[in-house]
Amino acid sequence: MKDILSILKDLRRPRLLIRAARIGSQDYRRNPQLHRLLGYGSLPRSGAALMRLMEIEADLNDRRKGDDSGYSVSRHVEVLVAMMGEARLLGTANP
Protein backbone atom coordinates (compact mmCIF):
# COMPACT_ATOMS: atom_id res chain seq x y z
CA MET A 1 0.00 0.00 0.00
CA LYS A 2 1.31 3.43 -0.90
CA ASP A 3 1.97 6.05 1.71
CA ILE A 4 0.32 9.45 1.50
CA LEU A 5 3.37 11.26 0.09
CA SER A 6 3.74 8.68 -2.71
CA ILE A 7 0.08 9.13 -3.63
CA LEU A 8 0.61 12.86 -3.74
CA LYS A 9 3.66 12.51 -6.00
CA ASP A 10 1.63 10.42 -8.45
CA LEU A 11 -1.02 13.11 -8.96
CA ARG A 12 -1.08 14.50 -12.48
CA ARG A 13 -2.53 17.96 -12.92
CA PRO A 14 -2.15 20.69 -15.54
CA ARG A 15 1.23 22.37 -15.44
CA LEU A 16 -0.21 25.84 -14.90
CA LEU A 17 -2.15 24.73 -11.79
CA ILE A 18 0.95 23.12 -10.30
CA ARG A 19 3.15 26.12 -11.11
CA ALA A 20 0.70 28.51 -9.43
CA ALA A 21 0.45 26.23 -6.40
CA ARG A 22 4.24 26.00 -6.06
CA ILE A 23 4.52 29.75 -6.08
CA GLY A 24 1.73 30.05 -3.52
CA SER A 25 3.14 27.34 -1.28
CA GLN A 26 6.17 29.50 -0.52
CA ASP A 27 3.87 31.69 1.59
CA TYR A 28 1.79 28.86 3.10
CA ARG A 29 0.40 29.69 6.54
CA ARG A 30 -1.21 26.66 8.10
CA ASN A 31 -3.70 28.16 10.54
CA PRO A 32 -5.56 30.64 8.35
CA GLN A 33 -5.51 28.54 5.21
CA LEU A 34 -6.61 25.28 6.80
CA HIS A 35 -9.33 27.02 8.76
CA ARG A 36 -10.63 28.52 5.53
CA LEU A 37 -10.53 25.20 3.68
CA LEU A 38 -11.49 22.69 6.38
CA GLY A 39 -13.66 24.80 8.63
CA TYR A 40 -13.09 26.25 12.03
CA GLY A 41 -12.28 24.28 15.14
CA SER A 42 -9.16 22.43 16.10
CA LEU A 43 -6.84 21.70 13.21
CA PRO A 44 -6.05 18.07 12.40
CA ARG A 45 -2.50 16.80 12.24
CA SER A 46 -0.70 17.12 8.92
CA GLY A 47 -1.46 13.58 7.73
CA ALA A 48 -5.19 13.82 8.43
CA ALA A 49 -5.33 17.33 6.99
CA LEU A 50 -3.57 16.17 3.84
CA MET A 51 -6.01 13.29 3.38
CA ARG A 52 -8.98 15.65 3.69
CA LEU A 53 -7.37 18.14 1.30
CA MET A 54 -6.78 15.35 -1.21
CA GLU A 55 -10.49 14.48 -1.09
CA ILE A 56 -11.43 18.12 -1.68
CA GLU A 57 -8.91 18.39 -4.51
CA ALA A 58 -10.20 15.22 -6.19
CA ASP A 59 -13.70 16.71 -6.21
CA LEU A 60 -12.37 19.96 -7.64
CA ASN A 61 -10.46 18.08 -10.32
CA ASP A 62 -13.58 16.13 -11.30
CA ARG A 63 -15.43 19.43 -11.63
CA ARG A 64 -12.59 20.85 -13.74
CA LYS A 65 -12.65 17.86 -16.09
CA GLY A 66 -16.43 17.94 -16.31
CA ASP A 67 -16.57 21.63 -17.23
CA ASP A 68 -18.75 22.26 -14.17
CA SER A 69 -19.91 25.87 -13.98
CA GLY A 70 -19.31 25.82 -10.21
CA TYR A 71 -15.60 25.05 -10.64
CA SER A 72 -13.26 27.66 -9.17
CA VAL A 73 -9.66 27.78 -10.37
CA SER A 74 -8.64 29.96 -7.43
CA ARG A 75 -10.07 27.49 -4.93
CA HIS A 76 -8.33 24.63 -6.73
CA VAL A 77 -5.00 26.45 -6.51
CA GLU A 78 -5.66 27.28 -2.85
CA VAL A 79 -6.26 23.60 -2.06
CA LEU A 80 -3.15 22.56 -3.99
CA VAL A 81 -1.11 25.16 -2.07
CA ALA A 82 -2.36 23.72 1.21
CA MET A 83 -1.62 20.18 0.02
CA MET A 84 1.95 21.14 -0.84
CA GLY A 85 2.39 22.96 2.46
CA GLU A 86 1.04 20.04 4.49
CA ALA A 87 3.18 17.58 2.53
CA ARG A 88 6.23 19.69 3.30
CA LEU A 89 5.32 19.72 7.00
CA LEU A 90 4.70 15.98 6.98
CA GLY A 91 7.97 15.31 5.16
CA THR A 92 10.01 17.33 7.63
CA ALA A 93 8.27 15.71 10.60
CA ASN A 94 8.98 12.18 9.28
CA PRO A 95 12.35 12.19 7.49
PDB file of N, CA and C in Angstrom:
ATOM      1  N   MET A   1       0.847  -1.182   0.000  1.00  0.00           N
ATOM      2  CA  MET A   1       0.000   0.000   0.000  1.00  0.00           C
ATOM      3  C   MET A   1       0.893   1.246   0.000  1.00  0.00           C
ATOM      4  N   LYS A   2       0.515   2.210  -0.788  1.00  0.00           N
ATOM      5  CA  LYS A   2       1.311   3.434  -0.901  1.00  0.00           C
ATOM      6  C   LYS A   2       1.086   4.346   0.295  1.00  0.00           C
ATOM      7  N   ASP A   3       2.139   5.051   0.670  1.00  0.00           N
ATOM      8  CA  ASP A   3       1.970   6.048   1.714  1.00  0.00           C
ATOM      9  C   ASP A   3       1.418   7.331   1.097  1.00  0.00           C
ATOM     10  N   ILE A   4       1.018   8.242   1.940  1.00  0.00           N
ATOM     11  CA  ILE A   4       0.322   9.447   1.500  1.00  0.00           C
ATOM     12  C   ILE A   4       1.194  10.343   0.613  1.00  0.00           C
ATOM     13  N   LEU A   5       2.484  10.420   0.905  1.00  0.00           N
ATOM     14  CA  LEU A   5       3.366  11.264   0.091  1.00  0.00           C
ATOM     15  C   LEU A   5       3.594  10.659  -1.291  1.00  0.00           C
ATOM     16  N   SER A   6       3.608   9.336  -1.397  1.00  0.00           N
ATOM     17  CA  SER A   6       3.740   8.683  -2.706  1.00  0.00           C
ATOM     18  C   SER A   6       2.495   8.918  -3.554  1.00  0.00           C
ATOM     19  N   ILE A   7       1.343   8.862  -2.921  1.00  0.00           N
ATOM     20  CA  ILE A   7       0.085   9.128  -3.630  1.00  0.00           C
ATOM     21  C   ILE A   7       0.096  10.556  -4.157  1.00  0.00           C
ATOM     22  N   LEU A   8       0.558  11.458  -3.347  1.00  0.00           N
ATOM     23  CA  LEU A   8       0.615  12.863  -3.741  1.00  0.00           C
ATOM     24  C   LEU A   8       1.566  13.066  -4.914  1.00  0.00           C
ATOM     25  N   LYS A   9       2.697  12.382  -4.905  1.00  0.00           N
ATOM     26  CA  LYS A   9       3.661  12.507  -6.002  1.00  0.00           C
ATOM     27  C   LYS A   9       3.105  11.981  -7.321  1.00  0.00           C
ATOM     28  N   ASP A  10       2.190  11.021  -7.245  1.00  0.00           N
ATOM     29  CA  ASP A  10       1.628  10.418  -8.449  1.00  0.00           C
ATOM     30  C   ASP A  10       0.494  11.229  -9.074  1.00  0.00           C
ATOM     31  N   LEU A  11       0.047  12.286  -8.401  1.00  0.00           N
ATOM     32  CA  LEU A  11      -1.025  13.114  -8.963  1.00  0.00           C
ATOM     33  C   LEU A  11      -0.546  13.802 -10.227  1.00  0.00           C
ATOM     34  N   ARG A  12      -1.385  13.818 -11.222  1.00  0.00           N
ATOM     35  CA  ARG A  12      -1.076  14.498 -12.479  1.00  0.00           C
ATOM     36  C   ARG A  12      -2.125  15.574 -12.709  1.00  0.00           C
ATOM     37  N   ARG A  13      -1.662  16.801 -12.720  1.00  0.00           N
ATOM     38  CA  ARG A  13      -2.532  17.957 -12.919  1.00  0.00           C
ATOM     39  C   ARG A  13      -1.911  18.873 -13.966  1.00  0.00           C
ATOM     40  N   PRO A  14      -2.706  19.774 -14.544  1.00  0.00           N
ATOM     41  CA  PRO A  14      -2.154  20.693 -15.539  1.00  0.00           C
ATOM     42  C   PRO A  14      -0.973  21.499 -14.984  1.00  0.00           C
ATOM     43  N   ARG A  15      -0.006  21.704 -15.832  1.00  0.00           N
ATOM     44  CA  ARG A  15       1.227  22.368 -15.440  1.00  0.00           C
ATOM     45  C   ARG A  15       0.991  23.748 -14.837  1.00  0.00           C
ATOM     46  N   LEU A  16       0.061  24.491 -15.394  1.00  0.00           N
ATOM     47  CA  LEU A  16      -0.211  25.843 -14.896  1.00  0.00           C
ATOM     48  C   LEU A  16      -0.759  25.821 -13.465  1.00  0.00           C
ATOM     49  N   LEU A  17      -1.630  24.863 -13.157  1.00  0.00           N
ATOM     50  CA  LEU A  17      -2.146  24.735 -11.788  1.00  0.00           C
ATOM     51  C   LEU A  17      -1.010  24.432 -10.806  1.00  0.00           C
ATOM     52  N   ILE A  18      -0.153  23.512 -11.176  1.00  0.00           N
ATOM     53  CA  ILE A  18       0.955  23.124 -10.297  1.00  0.00           C
ATOM     54  C   ILE A  18       1.934  24.273 -10.127  1.00  0.00           C
ATOM     55  N   ARG A  19       2.223  24.983 -11.193  1.00  0.00           N
ATOM     56  CA  ARG A  19       3.152  26.115 -11.106  1.00  0.00           C
ATOM     57  C   ARG A  19       2.603  27.195 -10.177  1.00  0.00           C
ATOM     58  N   ALA A  20       1.322  27.501 -10.308  1.00  0.00           N
ATOM     59  CA  ALA A  20       0.703  28.507  -9.434  1.00  0.00           C
ATOM     60  C   ALA A  20       0.719  28.043  -7.978  1.00  0.00           C
ATOM     61  N   ALA A  21       0.461  26.762  -7.759  1.00  0.00           N
ATOM     62  CA  ALA A  21       0.453  26.232  -6.395  1.00  0.00           C
ATOM     63  C   ALA A  21       1.861  26.243  -5.791  1.00  0.00           C
ATOM     64  N   ARG A  22       2.864  25.951  -6.585  1.00  0.00           N
ATOM     65  CA  ARG A  22       4.240  25.996  -6.064  1.00  0.00           C
ATOM     66  C   ARG A  22       4.625  27.403  -5.643  1.00  0.00           C
ATOM     67  N   ILE A  23       4.232  28.358  -6.437  1.00  0.00           N
ATOM     68  CA  ILE A  23       4.518  29.755  -6.083  1.00  0.00           C
ATOM     69  C   ILE A  23       3.787  30.117  -4.798  1.00  0.00           C
ATOM     70  N   GLY A  24       2.530  29.741  -4.712  1.00  0.00           N
ATOM     71  CA  GLY A  24       1.735  30.050  -3.523  1.00  0.00           C
ATOM     72  C   GLY A  24       2.191  29.314  -2.282  1.00  0.00           C
ATOM     73  N   SER A  25       2.744  28.131  -2.445  1.00  0.00           N
ATOM     74  CA  SER A  25       3.139  27.337  -1.279  1.00  0.00           C
ATOM     75  C   SER A  25       4.335  27.934  -0.548  1.00  0.00           C
ATOM     76  N   GLN A  26       5.045  28.833  -1.184  1.00  0.00           N
ATOM     77  CA  GLN A  26       6.168  29.496  -0.518  1.00  0.00           C
ATOM     78  C   GLN A  26       5.679  30.364   0.637  1.00  0.00           C
ATOM     79  N   ASP A  27       4.447  30.841   0.555  1.00  0.00           N
ATOM     80  CA  ASP A  27       3.869  31.695   1.595  1.00  0.00           C
ATOM     81  C   ASP A  27       2.781  30.972   2.390  1.00  0.00           C
ATOM     82  N   TYR A  28       2.816  29.643   2.418  1.00  0.00           N
ATOM     83  CA  TYR A  28       1.785  28.861   3.098  1.00  0.00           C
ATOM     84  C   TYR A  28       1.790  29.145   4.594  1.00  0.00           C
ATOM     85  N   ARG A  29       0.613  29.501   5.100  1.00  0.00           N
ATOM     86  CA  ARG A  29       0.405  29.694   6.539  1.00  0.00           C
ATOM     87  C   ARG A  29      -0.697  28.736   6.961  1.00  0.00           C
ATOM     88  N   ARG A  30      -0.328  27.779   7.770  1.00  0.00           N
ATOM     89  CA  ARG A  30      -1.208  26.655   8.095  1.00  0.00           C
ATOM     90  C   ARG A  30      -2.523  27.084   8.736  1.00  0.00           C
ATOM     91  N   ASN A  31      -2.469  27.847   9.804  1.00  0.00           N
ATOM     92  CA  ASN A  31      -3.696  28.163  10.544  1.00  0.00           C
ATOM     93  C   ASN A  31      -4.758  28.851   9.699  1.00  0.00           C
ATOM     94  N   PRO A  32      -4.475  29.993   9.088  1.00  0.00           N
ATOM     95  CA  PRO A  32      -5.559  30.644   8.354  1.00  0.00           C
ATOM     96  C   PRO A  32      -6.027  29.859   7.128  1.00  0.00           C
ATOM     97  N   GLN A  33      -5.099  29.229   6.428  1.00  0.00           N
ATOM     98  CA  GLN A  33      -5.507  28.539   5.211  1.00  0.00           C
ATOM     99  C   GLN A  33      -6.284  27.260   5.494  1.00  0.00           C
ATOM    100  N   LEU A  34      -5.854  26.493   6.483  1.00  0.00           N
ATOM    101  CA  LEU A  34      -6.608  25.275   6.798  1.00  0.00           C
ATOM    102  C   LEU A  34      -7.965  25.597   7.405  1.00  0.00           C
ATOM    103  N   HIS A  35      -8.029  26.634   8.220  1.00  0.00           N
ATOM    104  CA  HIS A  35      -9.334  27.022   8.761  1.00  0.00           C
ATOM    105  C   HIS A  35     -10.290  27.407   7.631  1.00  0.00           C
ATOM    106  N   ARG A  36      -9.791  28.108   6.651  1.00  0.00           N
ATOM    107  CA  ARG A  36     -10.629  28.522   5.532  1.00  0.00           C
ATOM    108  C   ARG A  36     -11.076  27.320   4.697  1.00  0.00           C
ATOM    109  N   LEU A  37     -10.211  26.334   4.534  1.00  0.00           N
ATOM    110  CA  LEU A  37     -10.530  25.197   3.677  1.00  0.00           C
ATOM    111  C   LEU A  37     -11.281  24.077   4.399  1.00  0.00           C
ATOM    112  N   LEU A  38     -10.920  23.826   5.652  1.00  0.00           N
ATOM    113  CA  LEU A  38     -11.492  22.690   6.376  1.00  0.00           C
ATOM    114  C   LEU A  38     -12.565  23.077   7.377  1.00  0.00           C
ATOM    115  N   GLY A  39     -12.696  24.359   7.646  1.00  0.00           N
ATOM    116  CA  GLY A  39     -13.656  24.804   8.632  1.00  0.00           C
ATOM    117  C   GLY A  39     -12.962  25.132   9.934  1.00  0.00           C
ATOM    118  N   TYR A  40     -13.669  25.811  10.773  1.00  0.00           N
ATOM    119  CA  TYR A  40     -13.087  26.249  12.034  1.00  0.00           C
ATOM    120  C   TYR A  40     -13.186  25.160  13.073  1.00  0.00           C
ATOM    121  N   GLY A  41     -12.398  25.292  14.105  1.00  0.00           N
ATOM    122  CA  GLY A  41     -12.282  24.282  15.142  1.00  0.00           C
ATOM    123  C   GLY A  41     -10.822  23.911  15.258  1.00  0.00           C
ATOM    124  N   SER A  42     -10.555  22.835  15.954  1.00  0.00           N
ATOM    125  CA  SER A  42      -9.158  22.434  16.101  1.00  0.00           C
ATOM    126  C   SER A  42      -8.662  21.845  14.782  1.00  0.00           C
ATOM    127  N   LEU A  43      -7.427  22.169  14.464  1.00  0.00           N
ATOM    128  CA  LEU A  43      -6.840  21.700  13.213  1.00  0.00           C
ATOM    129  C   LEU A  43      -6.350  20.264  13.370  1.00  0.00           C
ATOM    130  N   PRO A  44      -6.564  19.442  12.338  1.00  0.00           N
ATOM    131  CA  PRO A  44      -6.050  18.073  12.397  1.00  0.00           C
ATOM    132  C   PRO A  44      -4.533  18.062  12.202  1.00  0.00           C
ATOM    133  N   ARG A  45      -3.925  16.954  12.502  1.00  0.00           N
ATOM    134  CA  ARG A  45      -2.500  16.796  12.244  1.00  0.00           C
ATOM    135  C   ARG A  45      -2.265  16.810  10.740  1.00  0.00           C
ATOM    136  N   SER A  46      -1.023  16.963  10.339  1.00  0.00           N
ATOM    137  CA  SER A  46      -0.697  17.123   8.918  1.00  0.00           C
ATOM    138  C   SER A  46      -1.183  15.967   8.056  1.00  0.00           C
ATOM    139  N   GLY A  47      -1.029  14.730   8.523  1.00  0.00           N
ATOM    140  CA  GLY A  47      -1.462  13.578   7.734  1.00  0.00           C
ATOM    141  C   GLY A  47      -2.961  13.572   7.503  1.00  0.00           C
ATOM    142  N   ALA A  48      -3.720  13.802   8.552  1.00  0.00           N
ATOM    143  CA  ALA A  48      -5.185  13.822   8.429  1.00  0.00           C
ATOM    144  C   ALA A  48      -5.642  15.013   7.592  1.00  0.00           C
ATOM    145  N   ALA A  49      -4.990  16.147   7.778  1.00  0.00           N
ATOM    146  CA  ALA A  49      -5.332  17.331   6.988  1.00  0.00           C
ATOM    147  C   ALA A  49      -5.047  17.076   5.508  1.00  0.00           C
ATOM    148  N   LEU A  50      -3.928  16.444   5.228  1.00  0.00           N
ATOM    149  CA  LEU A  50      -3.566  16.165   3.841  1.00  0.00           C
ATOM    150  C   LEU A  50      -4.558  15.213   3.191  1.00  0.00           C
ATOM    151  N   MET A  51      -5.014  14.215   3.931  1.00  0.00           N
ATOM    152  CA  MET A  51      -6.013  13.286   3.383  1.00  0.00           C
ATOM    153  C   MET A  51      -7.306  14.018   3.049  1.00  0.00           C
ATOM    154  N   ARG A  52      -7.752  14.885   3.936  1.00  0.00           N
ATOM    155  CA  ARG A  52      -8.979  15.649   3.689  1.00  0.00           C
ATOM    156  C   ARG A  52      -8.796  16.593   2.506  1.00  0.00           C
ATOM    157  N   LEU A  53      -7.651  17.240   2.424  1.00  0.00           N
ATOM    158  CA  LEU A  53      -7.366  18.136   1.304  1.00  0.00           C
ATOM    159  C   LEU A  53      -7.330  17.372  -0.019  1.00  0.00           C
ATOM    160  N   MET A  54      -6.819  16.157   0.007  1.00  0.00           N
ATOM    161  CA  MET A  54      -6.784  15.346  -1.214  1.00  0.00           C
ATOM    162  C   MET A  54      -8.192  14.984  -1.676  1.00  0.00           C
ATOM    163  N   GLU A  55      -9.093  14.748  -0.728  1.00  0.00           N
ATOM    164  CA  GLU A  55     -10.493  14.480  -1.085  1.00  0.00           C
ATOM    165  C   GLU A  55     -11.125  15.711  -1.729  1.00  0.00           C
ATOM    166  N   ILE A  56     -10.882  16.869  -1.141  1.00  0.00           N
ATOM    167  CA  ILE A  56     -11.426  18.118  -1.683  1.00  0.00           C
ATOM    168  C   ILE A  56     -10.861  18.375  -3.078  1.00  0.00           C
ATOM    169  N   GLU A  57      -9.552  18.146  -3.227  1.00  0.00           N
ATOM    170  CA  GLU A  57      -8.911  18.392  -4.514  1.00  0.00           C
ATOM    171  C   GLU A  57      -9.419  17.434  -5.577  1.00  0.00           C
ATOM    172  N   ALA A  58      -9.667  16.187  -5.223  1.00  0.00           N
ATOM    173  CA  ALA A  58     -10.198  15.216  -6.186  1.00  0.00           C
ATOM    174  C   ALA A  58     -11.566  15.667  -6.699  1.00  0.00           C
ATOM    175  N   ASP A  59     -12.396  16.183  -5.803  1.00  0.00           N
ATOM    176  CA  ASP A  59     -13.700  16.707  -6.205  1.00  0.00           C
ATOM    177  C   ASP A  59     -13.538  17.910  -7.139  1.00  0.00           C
ATOM    178  N   LEU A  60     -12.618  18.798  -6.783  1.00  0.00           N
ATOM    179  CA  LEU A  60     -12.374  19.965  -7.641  1.00  0.00           C
ATOM    180  C   LEU A  60     -11.855  19.537  -9.004  1.00  0.00           C
ATOM    181  N   ASN A  61     -10.993  18.541  -9.041  1.00  0.00           N
ATOM    182  CA  ASN A  61     -10.456  18.079 -10.319  1.00  0.00           C
ATOM    183  C   ASN A  61     -11.543  17.442 -11.179  1.00  0.00           C
ATOM    184  N   ASP A  62     -12.451  16.705 -10.552  1.00  0.00           N
ATOM    185  CA  ASP A  62     -13.580  16.131 -11.297  1.00  0.00           C
ATOM    186  C   ASP A  62     -14.441  17.240 -11.896  1.00  0.00           C
ATOM    187  N   ARG A  63     -14.657  18.298 -11.122  1.00  0.00           N
ATOM    188  CA  ARG A  63     -15.431  19.434 -11.626  1.00  0.00           C
ATOM    189  C   ARG A  63     -14.715  20.105 -12.798  1.00  0.00           C
ATOM    190  N   ARG A  64     -13.384  20.233 -12.672  1.00  0.00           N
ATOM    191  CA  ARG A  64     -12.592  20.847 -13.743  1.00  0.00           C
ATOM    192  C   ARG A  64     -12.715  20.038 -15.023  1.00  0.00           C
ATOM    193  N   LYS A  65     -12.569  18.733 -14.917  1.00  0.00           N
ATOM    194  CA  LYS A  65     -12.647  17.861 -16.086  1.00  0.00           C
ATOM    195  C   LYS A  65     -14.041  17.834 -16.689  1.00  0.00           C
ATOM    196  N   GLY A  66     -15.051  17.992 -15.837  1.00  0.00           N
ATOM    197  CA  GLY A  66     -16.427  17.938 -16.312  1.00  0.00           C
ATOM    198  C   GLY A  66     -16.980  19.271 -16.770  1.00  0.00           C
ATOM    199  N   ASP A  67     -16.130  20.282 -16.831  1.00  0.00           N
ATOM    200  CA  ASP A  67     -16.567  21.633 -17.230  1.00  0.00           C
ATOM    201  C   ASP A  67     -17.746  22.117 -16.397  1.00  0.00           C
ATOM    202  N   ASP A  68     -17.712  21.844 -15.106  1.00  0.00           N
ATOM    203  CA  ASP A  68     -18.752  22.261 -14.174  1.00  0.00           C
ATOM    204  C   ASP A  68     -18.714  23.782 -14.021  1.00  0.00           C
ATOM    205  N   SER A  69     -19.859  24.409 -14.091  1.00  0.00           N
ATOM    206  CA  SER A  69     -19.908  25.871 -13.975  1.00  0.00           C
ATOM    207  C   SER A  69     -19.576  26.344 -12.558  1.00  0.00           C
ATOM    208  N   GLY A  70     -19.636  25.456 -11.579  1.00  0.00           N
ATOM    209  CA  GLY A  70     -19.305  25.819 -10.209  1.00  0.00           C
ATOM    210  C   GLY A  70     -17.825  25.672  -9.879  1.00  0.00           C
ATOM    211  N   TYR A  71     -17.037  25.249 -10.855  1.00  0.00           N
ATOM    212  CA  TYR A  71     -15.604  25.051 -10.638  1.00  0.00           C
ATOM    213  C   TYR A  71     -14.905  26.393 -10.451  1.00  0.00           C
ATOM    214  N   SER A  72     -14.012  26.449  -9.452  1.00  0.00           N
ATOM    215  CA  SER A  72     -13.256  27.659  -9.171  1.00  0.00           C
ATOM    216  C   SER A  72     -11.760  27.357  -9.255  1.00  0.00           C
ATOM    217  N   VAL A  73     -11.097  27.974 -10.215  1.00  0.00           N
ATOM    218  CA  VAL A  73      -9.656  27.781 -10.371  1.00  0.00           C
ATOM    219  C   VAL A  73      -8.927  28.281  -9.135  1.00  0.00           C
ATOM    220  N   SER A  74      -9.343  29.412  -8.594  1.00  0.00           N
ATOM    221  CA  SER A  74      -8.644  29.964  -7.434  1.00  0.00           C
ATOM    222  C   SER A  74      -8.765  29.034  -6.226  1.00  0.00           C
ATOM    223  N   ARG A  75      -9.914  28.439  -6.045  1.00  0.00           N
ATOM    224  CA  ARG A  75     -10.069  27.486  -4.930  1.00  0.00           C
ATOM    225  C   ARG A  75      -9.213  26.251  -5.168  1.00  0.00           C
ATOM    226  N   HIS A  76      -9.147  25.794  -6.406  1.00  0.00           N
ATOM    227  CA  HIS A  76      -8.330  24.628  -6.729  1.00  0.00           C
ATOM    228  C   HIS A  76      -6.857  24.914  -6.415  1.00  0.00           C
ATOM    229  N   VAL A  77      -6.383  26.080  -6.799  1.00  0.00           N
ATOM    230  CA  VAL A  77      -5.004  26.454  -6.510  1.00  0.00           C
ATOM    231  C   VAL A  77      -4.798  26.560  -5.001  1.00  0.00           C
ATOM    232  N   GLU A  78      -5.763  27.133  -4.305  1.00  0.00           N
ATOM    233  CA  GLU A  78      -5.660  27.280  -2.853  1.00  0.00           C
ATOM    234  C   GLU A  78      -5.549  25.911  -2.167  1.00  0.00           C
ATOM    235  N   VAL A  79      -6.325  24.948  -2.624  1.00  0.00           N
ATOM    236  CA  VAL A  79      -6.264  23.598  -2.058  1.00  0.00           C
ATOM    237  C   VAL A  79      -4.923  22.944  -2.393  1.00  0.00           C
ATOM    238  N   LEU A  80      -4.447  23.117  -3.617  1.00  0.00           N
ATOM    239  CA  LEU A  80      -3.145  22.564  -3.991  1.00  0.00           C
ATOM    240  C   LEU A  80      -2.013  23.185  -3.175  1.00  0.00           C
ATOM    241  N   VAL A  81      -2.102  24.479  -2.912  1.00  0.00           N
ATOM    242  CA  VAL A  81      -1.110  25.155  -2.069  1.00  0.00           C
ATOM    243  C   VAL A  81      -1.100  24.516  -0.681  1.00  0.00           C
ATOM    244  N   ALA A  82      -2.271  24.319  -0.112  1.00  0.00           N
ATOM    245  CA  ALA A  82      -2.362  23.716   1.213  1.00  0.00           C
ATOM    246  C   ALA A  82      -1.836  22.278   1.195  1.00  0.00           C
ATOM    247  N   MET A  83      -2.127  21.540   0.134  1.00  0.00           N
ATOM    248  CA  MET A  83      -1.617  20.180   0.023  1.00  0.00           C
ATOM    249  C   MET A  83      -0.093  20.177   0.006  1.00  0.00           C
ATOM    250  N   MET A  84       0.488  21.066  -0.769  1.00  0.00           N
ATOM    251  CA  MET A  84       1.954  21.142  -0.842  1.00  0.00           C
ATOM    252  C   MET A  84       2.548  21.560   0.497  1.00  0.00           C
ATOM    253  N   GLY A  85       1.903  22.512   1.149  1.00  0.00           N
ATOM    254  CA  GLY A  85       2.388  22.956   2.456  1.00  0.00           C
ATOM    255  C   GLY A  85       2.313  21.864   3.498  1.00  0.00           C
ATOM    256  N   GLU A  86       1.201  21.140   3.529  1.00  0.00           N
ATOM    257  CA  GLU A  86       1.044  20.039   4.486  1.00  0.00           C
ATOM    258  C   GLU A  86       2.002  18.890   4.171  1.00  0.00           C
ATOM    259  N   ALA A  87       2.222  18.620   2.899  1.00  0.00           N
ATOM    260  CA  ALA A  87       3.177  17.579   2.527  1.00  0.00           C
ATOM    261  C   ALA A  87       4.581  17.949   2.967  1.00  0.00           C
ATOM    262  N   ARG A  88       4.918  19.216   2.848  1.00  0.00           N
ATOM    263  CA  ARG A  88       6.228  19.687   3.295  1.00  0.00           C
ATOM    264  C   ARG A  88       6.348  19.499   4.809  1.00  0.00           C
ATOM    265  N   LEU A  89       5.308  19.884   5.545  1.00  0.00           N
ATOM    266  CA  LEU A  89       5.323  19.716   7.003  1.00  0.00           C
ATOM    267  C   LEU A  89       5.413  18.240   7.399  1.00  0.00           C
ATOM    268  N   LEU A  90       4.686  17.405   6.692  1.00  0.00           N
ATOM    269  CA  LEU A  90       4.696  15.979   6.980  1.00  0.00           C
ATOM    270  C   LEU A  90       6.053  15.373   6.640  1.00  0.00           C
ATOM    271  N   GLY A  91       6.656  15.813   5.552  1.00  0.00           N
ATOM    272  CA  GLY A  91       7.966  15.305   5.155  1.00  0.00           C
ATOM    273  C   GLY A  91       9.066  15.698   6.119  1.00  0.00           C
ATOM    274  N   THR A  92       8.981  16.904   6.676  1.00  0.00           N
ATOM    275  CA  THR A  92      10.009  17.327   7.626  1.00  0.00           C
ATOM    276  C   THR A  92       9.799  16.683   8.994  1.00  0.00           C
ATOM    277  N   ALA A  93       8.551  16.344   9.313  1.00  0.00           N
ATOM    278  CA  ALA A  93       8.271  15.709  10.605  1.00  0.00           C
ATOM    279  C   ALA A  93       8.700  14.242  10.599  1.00  0.00           C
ATOM    280  N   ASN A  94       8.618  13.592   9.419  1.00  0.00           N
ATOM    281  CA  ASN A  94       8.976  12.180   9.280  1.00  0.00           C
ATOM    282  C   ASN A  94      10.038  12.012   8.206  1.00  0.00           C
ATOM    283  N   PRO A  95      11.294  12.278   8.522  1.00  0.00           N
ATOM    284  CA  PRO A  95      12.345  12.188   7.487  1.00  0.00           C
ATOM    285  C   PRO A  95      12.581  10.759   7.030  1.00  0.00           C
TER     286      PRO A  95
END
